[in-house]
Amino acid sequence: MLVSADRGMIPVIPEVSIYEPGQKAIIAWDGQEEILILSTDASSTYNTTTLEILPLPSSPKRIAEASSESFDVVQGLIWRHTPPPPTFNWDETRRGIEVVFHEKIGMHDITVVEAGNVSEFVGWMEEFLLKNGITQEVSLQDFELIIQDYMSRGFHFYVLDLLELSPDLKSVEPILYEFDTSFLYYPLLITTPIGGEGKITLFLITEGLFEDGYYPLEKALYLGLDFFQPIQFWLSNEELSTIDSSMADLFENKAIMTVLTYEGPLDKLTGDMAITETSPVMTGDLNTDGKVDIYDVITVTIAFGSKLGDPNWNLIADANNDDTVDIFDVVLVATNFGKIY
């Protein structure tokens, strides 16, 4: 399955139901800057114009059309890194609402505004829809309270994306957002007013490793007959560039991909993903499961003697990151064997 996730959708006709079963999301963060690629799979009970709201922690430096092939590449990378099983032009300012970006990109009509007051923001959106030829009343329902929560946390930039939806489920072309942030960010709270069930799967690309503890999201797993391991592996700079060339520019040599998932009621998403740091990983814990055990020994044994480019090369087994799996990597695993953190 490809990635699914959600963001806030408001139907222009209030009685129309919006179904958002999937939204692909790839997130790359280097500690200071984030690149976020989104593409929604959505439909509605009737033909309708939909306004999507995406809160951002800072004004986006770049908004551009992304390639849907990025998600195919990520899926291929997950399969490639499967571990072996053990053998055993808007420019006006209105009442404190400032438009900082407006552009039509494919089927998207994207506007980014800076806002500091909820009621003024709602009033501005009503005029925004009228200027776009939409006369139906927009029902914000619980979105006003959610937006108030975002503003109280210092979120003042909002992406407004007008889309045309129909009863036929379709995948919306992906859009890339690039912005400065001191924490890895993905908006989850904005989707709670939609209600119903949903599935979220996030591809996270970072310099540091993720542990557990992001409830209700959990690490996705490789599943086999006699084993299961979290989908978490090193990506070379070359592999990063196949996802998106700008992502490779965020990292010097390599980064780590982690996949987090959630499936269930959307009203359980009571907070956003905002991660500032990760705990250090114990040397020798190759599969990042919190302990150094026989699975780490098997990983380094299978790749022993290989170097970058060899058929049995495994980036995870290269514990000292010197592009060779040798006795030094074995020693690092053996030194911490049996330890748990």
Protein backbone atom coordinates (compact mmCIF):
# COMPACT_ATOMS: atom_id res chain seq x y z
CA MET A 1 0.00 0.00 0.00
CA LEU A 2 1.15 3.54 -0.69
CA VAL A 3 1.03 6.32 1.86
CA SER A 4 -2.23 7.62 3.25
CA ALA A 5 -2.71 10.68 5.44
CA ASP A 6 -5.10 13.55 5.93
CA ARG A 7 -5.47 17.32 6.12
CA GLY A 8 -8.42 19.68 6.61
CA MET A 9 -11.08 19.70 3.88
CA ILE A 10 -14.11 21.99 3.96
CA PRO A 11 -16.89 21.34 1.38
CA VAL A 12 -18.35 24.54 -0.04
CA ILE A 13 -21.81 22.97 0.10
CA PRO A 14 -22.21 22.05 3.82
CA GLU A 15 -24.38 18.95 3.32
CA VAL A 16 -21.87 17.35 0.95
CA SER A 17 -19.74 14.70 2.64
CA ILE A 18 -16.01 14.66 1.94
CA TYR A 19 -14.23 11.32 1.96
CA GLU A 20 -10.46 11.46 2.27
CA PRO A 21 -9.34 7.82 2.39
CA GLY A 22 -5.74 8.55 1.51
CA GLN A 23 -3.18 11.27 1.20
CA LYS A 24 0.37 10.42 0.24
CA ALA A 25 2.99 12.21 2.34
CA ILE A 26 6.78 12.23 2.17
CA ILE A 27 8.56 14.36 4.78
CA ALA A 28 12.27 15.18 4.78
CA TRP A 29 13.72 17.23 7.67
CA ASP A 30 17.34 18.10 8.44
CA GLY A 31 16.76 19.87 11.75
CA GLN A 32 16.20 23.32 10.24
CA GLU A 33 14.32 22.89 6.98
CA GLU A 34 11.51 20.59 5.88
CA ILE A 35 10.36 19.38 2.47
CA LEU A 36 6.80 18.05 2.47
CA ILE A 37 5.24 16.32 -0.56
CA LEU A 38 1.45 15.79 -0.41
CA SER A 39 -1.05 14.17 -2.76
CA THR A 40 -4.63 13.45 -1.74
CA ASP A 41 -6.93 10.63 -2.82
CA ALA A 42 -10.40 12.08 -2.31
CA SER A 43 -14.03 12.03 -3.44
CA SER A 44 -17.37 13.59 -2.42
CA THR A 45 -21.03 12.55 -2.46
CA TYR A 46 -21.73 15.18 -5.16
CA ASN A 47 -19.70 17.42 -7.43
CA THR A 48 -18.37 20.24 -5.28
CA THR A 49 -15.55 22.70 -4.86
CA THR A 50 -13.42 21.91 -1.80
CA LEU A 51 -11.23 24.23 0.22
CA GLU A 52 -8.25 22.50 1.83
CA ILE A 53 -6.45 24.12 4.78
CA LEU A 54 -2.86 23.24 5.64
CA PRO A 55 -1.32 25.05 8.65
CA LEU A 56 2.44 25.69 8.42
CA PRO A 57 4.93 26.78 11.12
CA SER A 58 6.57 29.33 8.78
CA SER A 59 6.02 30.96 5.41
CA PRO A 60 6.85 28.47 2.65
CA LYS A 61 10.08 29.20 0.78
CA ARG A 62 8.95 27.17 -2.22
CA ILE A 63 5.71 25.63 -3.47
CA ALA A 64 5.93 23.54 -6.63
CA GLU A 65 4.37 20.63 -8.43
CA ALA A 66 5.98 17.36 -7.44
CA SER A 67 6.10 14.06 -9.27
CA SER A 68 3.77 11.23 -8.32
CA GLU A 69 6.65 8.92 -9.21
CA SER A 70 8.31 9.96 -5.93
CA PHE A 71 5.88 7.67 -4.11
CA ASP A 72 6.61 4.77 -6.47
CA VAL A 73 10.33 5.30 -5.82
CA VAL A 74 9.78 5.26 -2.04
CA GLN A 75 7.77 2.06 -2.32
CA GLY A 76 10.58 0.50 -4.37
CA LEU A 77 13.16 1.57 -1.79
CA ILE A 78 11.17 -0.13 0.96
CA TRP A 79 11.17 -3.38 -0.99
CA ARG A 80 14.86 -2.99 -1.84
CA HIS A 81 15.76 -2.55 1.82
CA THR A 82 13.62 -5.44 3.07
CA PRO A 83 15.80 -7.23 5.64
CA PRO A 84 16.55 -10.94 5.07
CA PRO A 85 14.59 -13.22 7.42
CA PRO A 86 16.60 -15.10 10.08
CA THR A 87 17.68 -18.55 8.96
CA PHE A 88 16.50 -19.82 11.98
CA ASN A 89 -1.50 37.12 -7.89
CA TRP A 90 -3.05 38.11 -4.71
CA ASP A 91 -1.20 41.08 -3.16
CA GLU A 92 -3.64 42.95 -0.92
CA THR A 93 -3.68 43.09 2.88
CA ARG A 94 -7.02 43.04 4.68
CA ARG A 95 -7.54 43.45 8.42
CA GLY A 96 -4.23 41.83 9.34
CA ILE A 97 -4.59 39.06 6.72
CA GLU A 98 -1.69 39.11 4.29
CA VAL A 99 -1.48 37.01 1.14
CA VAL A 100 2.11 35.84 0.74
CA PHE A 101 1.66 33.46 -2.22
CA HIS A 102 -0.86 32.72 -4.96
CA GLU A 103 -0.38 30.46 -7.97
CA LYS A 104 -2.31 27.92 -10.04
CA ILE A 105 -0.36 24.66 -10.22
CA GLY A 106 -2.09 22.05 -12.36
CA MET A 107 -5.54 21.43 -10.90
CA HIS A 108 -4.58 23.26 -7.70
CA ASP A 109 -5.38 26.92 -7.01
CA ILE A 110 -3.06 27.61 -4.05
CA THR A 111 -3.04 30.69 -1.84
CA VAL A 112 -0.91 31.13 1.28
CA VAL A 113 -2.01 33.70 3.85
CA GLU A 114 -0.51 34.98 7.08
CA ALA A 115 -3.22 35.40 9.72
CA GLY A 116 -3.24 36.27 13.42
CA ASN A 117 -6.94 36.35 14.25
CA VAL A 118 -9.47 33.56 13.70
CA SER A 119 -12.56 35.69 13.07
CA GLU A 120 -10.67 37.93 10.62
CA PHE A 121 -9.31 34.83 8.90
CA VAL A 122 -12.82 33.37 8.51
CA GLY A 123 -14.10 36.69 7.15
CA TRP A 124 -11.25 36.85 4.69
CA MET A 125 -11.99 33.28 3.48
CA GLU A 126 -15.61 34.24 2.76
CA GLU A 127 -14.43 37.09 0.53
CA PHE A 128 -11.78 34.80 -0.98
CA LEU A 129 -14.46 32.32 -2.08
CA LEU A 130 -16.68 35.08 -3.49
CA LYS A 131 -13.77 36.39 -5.60
CA ASN A 132 -13.41 32.86 -6.99
CA GLY A 133 -17.07 32.79 -8.07
CA ILE A 134 -18.26 30.63 -5.17
CA THR A 135 -21.44 31.94 -3.55
CA GLN A 136 -22.40 29.00 -1.35
CA GLU A 137 -21.98 29.47 2.36
CA VAL A 138 -18.95 27.70 3.79
CA SER A 139 -19.57 25.80 7.01
CA LEU A 140 -16.45 25.88 9.17
CA GLN A 141 -18.12 23.76 11.86
CA ASP A 142 -15.36 22.76 14.29
CA PHE A 143 -12.55 24.14 12.12
CA GLU A 144 -12.73 27.53 13.83
CA LEU A 145 -11.75 25.99 17.18
CA ILE A 146 -8.98 23.98 15.55
CA ILE A 147 -7.57 27.05 13.80
CA GLN A 148 -7.70 28.93 17.11
CA ASP A 149 -5.61 26.15 18.63
CA TYR A 150 -3.03 26.43 15.80
CA MET A 151 -2.82 30.21 16.21
CA SER A 152 -2.35 29.91 19.97
CA ARG A 153 0.68 27.70 19.22
CA GLY A 154 2.19 30.28 16.88
CA PHE A 155 0.97 28.93 13.53
CA HIS A 156 0.14 31.94 11.38
CA PHE A 157 0.64 30.64 7.83
CA TYR A 158 -2.17 28.72 6.11
CA VAL A 159 -2.24 27.09 2.68
CA LEU A 160 -5.66 27.33 1.01
CA ASP A 161 -6.09 24.96 -1.92
CA LEU A 162 -9.27 25.04 -4.05
CA LEU A 163 -10.02 21.67 -5.65
CA GLU A 164 -12.90 20.29 -7.70
CA LEU A 165 -14.12 16.93 -6.39
CA SER A 166 -16.64 14.41 -7.69
CA PRO A 167 -18.03 11.03 -6.57
CA ASP A 168 -15.23 9.34 -8.51
CA LEU A 169 -12.22 8.70 -6.29
CA LYS A 170 -9.16 10.31 -7.81
CA SER A 171 -5.59 10.96 -6.83
CA VAL A 172 -4.73 14.66 -6.74
CA GLU A 173 -1.37 15.54 -8.23
CA PRO A 174 1.27 16.06 -5.51
CA ILE A 175 2.49 19.45 -4.35
CA LEU A 176 5.86 20.11 -2.72
CA TYR A 177 6.13 22.57 0.18
CA GLU A 178 9.51 23.72 1.48
CA PHE A 179 9.72 25.77 4.69
CA ASP A 180 11.96 26.49 7.67
CA THR A 181 11.11 24.74 10.94
CA SER A 182 13.02 23.80 14.09
CA PHE A 183 10.91 20.63 14.44
CA LEU A 184 9.78 17.89 12.10
CA TYR A 185 6.16 18.76 11.44
CA TYR A 186 3.05 17.18 10.01
CA PRO A 187 -0.49 18.52 10.70
CA LEU A 188 -2.85 15.90 12.15
CA LEU A 189 -5.19 18.00 14.31
CA ILE A 190 -6.58 19.90 11.29
CA THR A 191 -8.18 16.69 10.02
CA THR A 192 -10.21 15.81 13.16
CA PRO A 193 -13.35 17.80 12.22
CA ILE A 194 -13.75 15.65 9.09
CA GLY A 195 -14.72 12.68 11.25
CA GLY A 196 -15.04 9.09 10.14
CA GLU A 197 -12.24 6.60 9.58
CA GLY A 198 -8.91 7.20 7.90
CA LYS A 199 -5.50 5.74 7.27
CA ILE A 200 -2.25 7.62 7.74
CA THR A 201 1.17 6.43 6.68
CA LEU A 202 4.08 8.85 6.73
CA PHE A 203 7.49 8.38 5.11
CA LEU A 204 9.91 10.31 7.34
CA ILE A 205 13.46 11.05 6.16
CA THR A 206 15.81 12.40 8.83
CA GLU A 207 19.41 12.44 10.04
CA GLY A 208 18.42 10.88 13.37
CA LEU A 209 16.62 7.66 14.24
CA PHE A 210 13.02 7.39 15.45
CA GLU A 211 12.01 5.31 18.42
CA ASP A 212 8.46 4.47 19.47
CA GLY A 213 6.23 6.84 21.42
CA TYR A 214 4.24 8.78 18.79
CA TYR A 215 0.81 7.45 19.75
CA PRO A 216 -1.53 6.84 18.02
CA LEU A 217 0.99 6.43 15.18
CA GLU A 218 3.13 3.30 15.22
CA LYS A 219 6.13 2.08 13.27
CA ALA A 220 5.19 0.13 10.15
CA LEU A 221 6.69 -3.34 10.03
CA TYR A 222 8.25 -5.77 7.61
CA LEU A 223 6.31 -8.98 8.16
CA GLY A 224 7.63 -12.47 7.48
CA LEU A 225 6.84 -16.03 8.47
CA ASP A 226 9.11 -16.00 11.52
CA PHE A 227 10.08 -12.37 11.98
CA PHE A 228 8.96 -8.78 11.99
CA GLN A 229 11.10 -5.66 11.91
CA PRO A 230 10.31 -1.95 11.73
CA ILE A 231 10.59 -0.34 8.31
CA GLN A 232 13.59 1.82 9.14
CA PHE A 233 16.75 1.90 7.04
CA TRP A 234 19.58 4.08 5.76
CA LEU A 235 19.28 5.81 2.39
CA SER A 236 22.31 6.87 0.41
CA ASN A 237 22.44 10.34 -1.11
CA GLU A 238 21.95 8.74 -4.52
CA GLU A 239 18.77 7.01 -3.36
CA LEU A 240 17.48 10.26 -1.87
CA SER A 241 17.93 12.01 -5.21
CA THR A 242 15.71 9.40 -6.90
CA ILE A 243 12.84 10.43 -4.58
CA ASP A 244 13.34 14.14 -5.21
CA SER A 245 16.56 15.97 -6.05
CA SER A 246 15.88 18.70 -3.50
CA MET A 247 15.67 16.13 -0.69
CA ALA A 248 19.20 14.94 -1.40
CA ASP A 249 20.40 18.52 -0.92
CA LEU A 250 19.17 18.51 2.70
CA PHE A 251 21.63 15.84 3.82
CA GLU A 252 25.40 15.44 3.41
CA ASN A 253 25.75 11.73 2.62
CA LYS A 254 22.86 9.67 3.90
CA ALA A 255 19.65 9.78 5.90
CA ILE A 256 17.29 7.37 7.62
CA MET A 257 13.80 6.50 6.43
CA THR A 258 11.17 5.60 9.03
CA VAL A 259 7.55 4.70 8.24
CA LEU A 260 4.81 5.56 10.76
CA THR A 261 1.20 4.42 10.34
CA TYR A 262 -2.24 4.87 11.85
CA GLU A 263 -5.64 3.47 10.90
CA GLY A 264 -8.84 4.28 12.76
CA PRO A 265 -11.12 7.15 13.83
CA LEU A 266 -9.80 10.56 12.78
CA ASP A 267 -11.06 12.16 15.99
CA LYS A 268 -8.28 10.34 17.86
CA LEU A 269 -5.73 12.62 16.20
CA THR A 270 -5.68 15.14 19.04
CA GLY A 271 -2.25 16.61 18.30
CA ASP A 272 0.15 17.33 15.44
CA MET A 273 3.44 15.59 14.79
CA ALA A 274 6.09 18.00 16.04
CA ILE A 275 9.39 16.29 16.85
CA THR A 276 12.43 18.31 17.89
CA GLU A 277 15.00 15.59 18.53
CA THR A 278 15.51 11.84 18.75
CA SER A 279 17.28 9.80 21.38
CA PRO A 280 20.74 8.49 20.47
CA VAL A 281 20.77 4.94 19.17
CA MET A 282 22.99 2.39 20.86
CA THR A 283 25.96 1.38 18.72
CA GLY A 284 25.36 -2.09 17.30
CA ASP A 285 21.55 -1.85 17.30
CA LEU A 286 21.40 -2.24 13.53
CA ASN A 287 17.64 -2.73 13.22
CA THR A 288 16.89 0.06 15.77
CA ASP A 289 14.57 -2.09 17.91
CA GLY A 290 16.08 -0.90 21.20
CA LYS A 291 18.34 -3.87 21.83
CA VAL A 292 21.45 -5.54 20.42
CA ASP A 293 20.58 -9.19 19.84
CA ILE A 294 20.91 -12.13 17.46
CA TYR A 295 19.04 -10.26 14.70
CA ASP A 296 21.79 -7.63 14.63
CA VAL A 297 24.42 -10.37 14.53
CA ILE A 298 22.65 -12.02 11.58
CA THR A 299 22.43 -8.70 9.74
CA VAL A 300 26.18 -8.00 10.01
CA THR A 301 27.04 -11.64 9.27
CA ILE A 302 25.09 -11.76 5.99
CA ALA A 303 26.74 -8.54 4.77
CA PHE A 304 30.22 -9.33 6.14
CA GLY A 305 33.01 -8.64 3.67
CA SER A 306 30.86 -6.46 1.40
CA LYS A 307 31.37 -2.89 0.35
CA LEU A 308 29.12 -0.29 -1.23
CA GLY A 309 27.86 -1.67 -4.57
CA ASP A 310 28.31 -5.38 -3.78
CA PRO A 311 25.27 -7.70 -4.10
CA ASN A 312 25.21 -8.51 -0.37
CA TRP A 313 25.93 -4.92 0.73
CA ASN A 314 23.61 -3.67 3.46
CA LEU A 315 23.87 -0.05 4.60
CA ILE A 316 22.39 -0.93 8.00
CA ALA A 317 25.17 -3.46 8.68
CA ASP A 318 27.81 -0.76 8.20
CA ALA A 319 27.78 0.22 11.88
CA ASN A 320 30.74 2.62 11.65
CA ASN A 321 29.59 4.19 8.34
CA ASP A 322 32.83 3.59 6.41
CA ASP A 323 31.08 1.96 3.38
CA THR A 324 32.53 -1.46 4.26
CA VAL A 325 31.15 -4.24 6.45
CA ASP A 326 34.17 -5.74 8.17
CA ILE A 327 35.54 -6.90 11.53
CA PHE A 328 35.17 -3.39 12.98
CA ASP A 329 31.40 -3.56 12.48
CA VAL A 330 31.30 -7.02 14.04
CA VAL A 331 33.19 -5.69 17.09
CA LEU A 332 30.71 -2.83 17.51
CA VAL A 333 27.82 -5.30 17.56
CA ALA A 334 29.63 -7.78 19.82
CA THR A 335 30.65 -5.10 22.32
CA ASN A 336 27.04 -4.15 23.05
CA PHE A 337 25.48 -7.60 22.55
CA GLY A 338 22.65 -8.21 25.01
CA LYS A 339 22.23 -4.55 25.97
CA ILE A 340 18.80 -2.95 26.02
CA TYR A 341 17.98 0.76 26.18
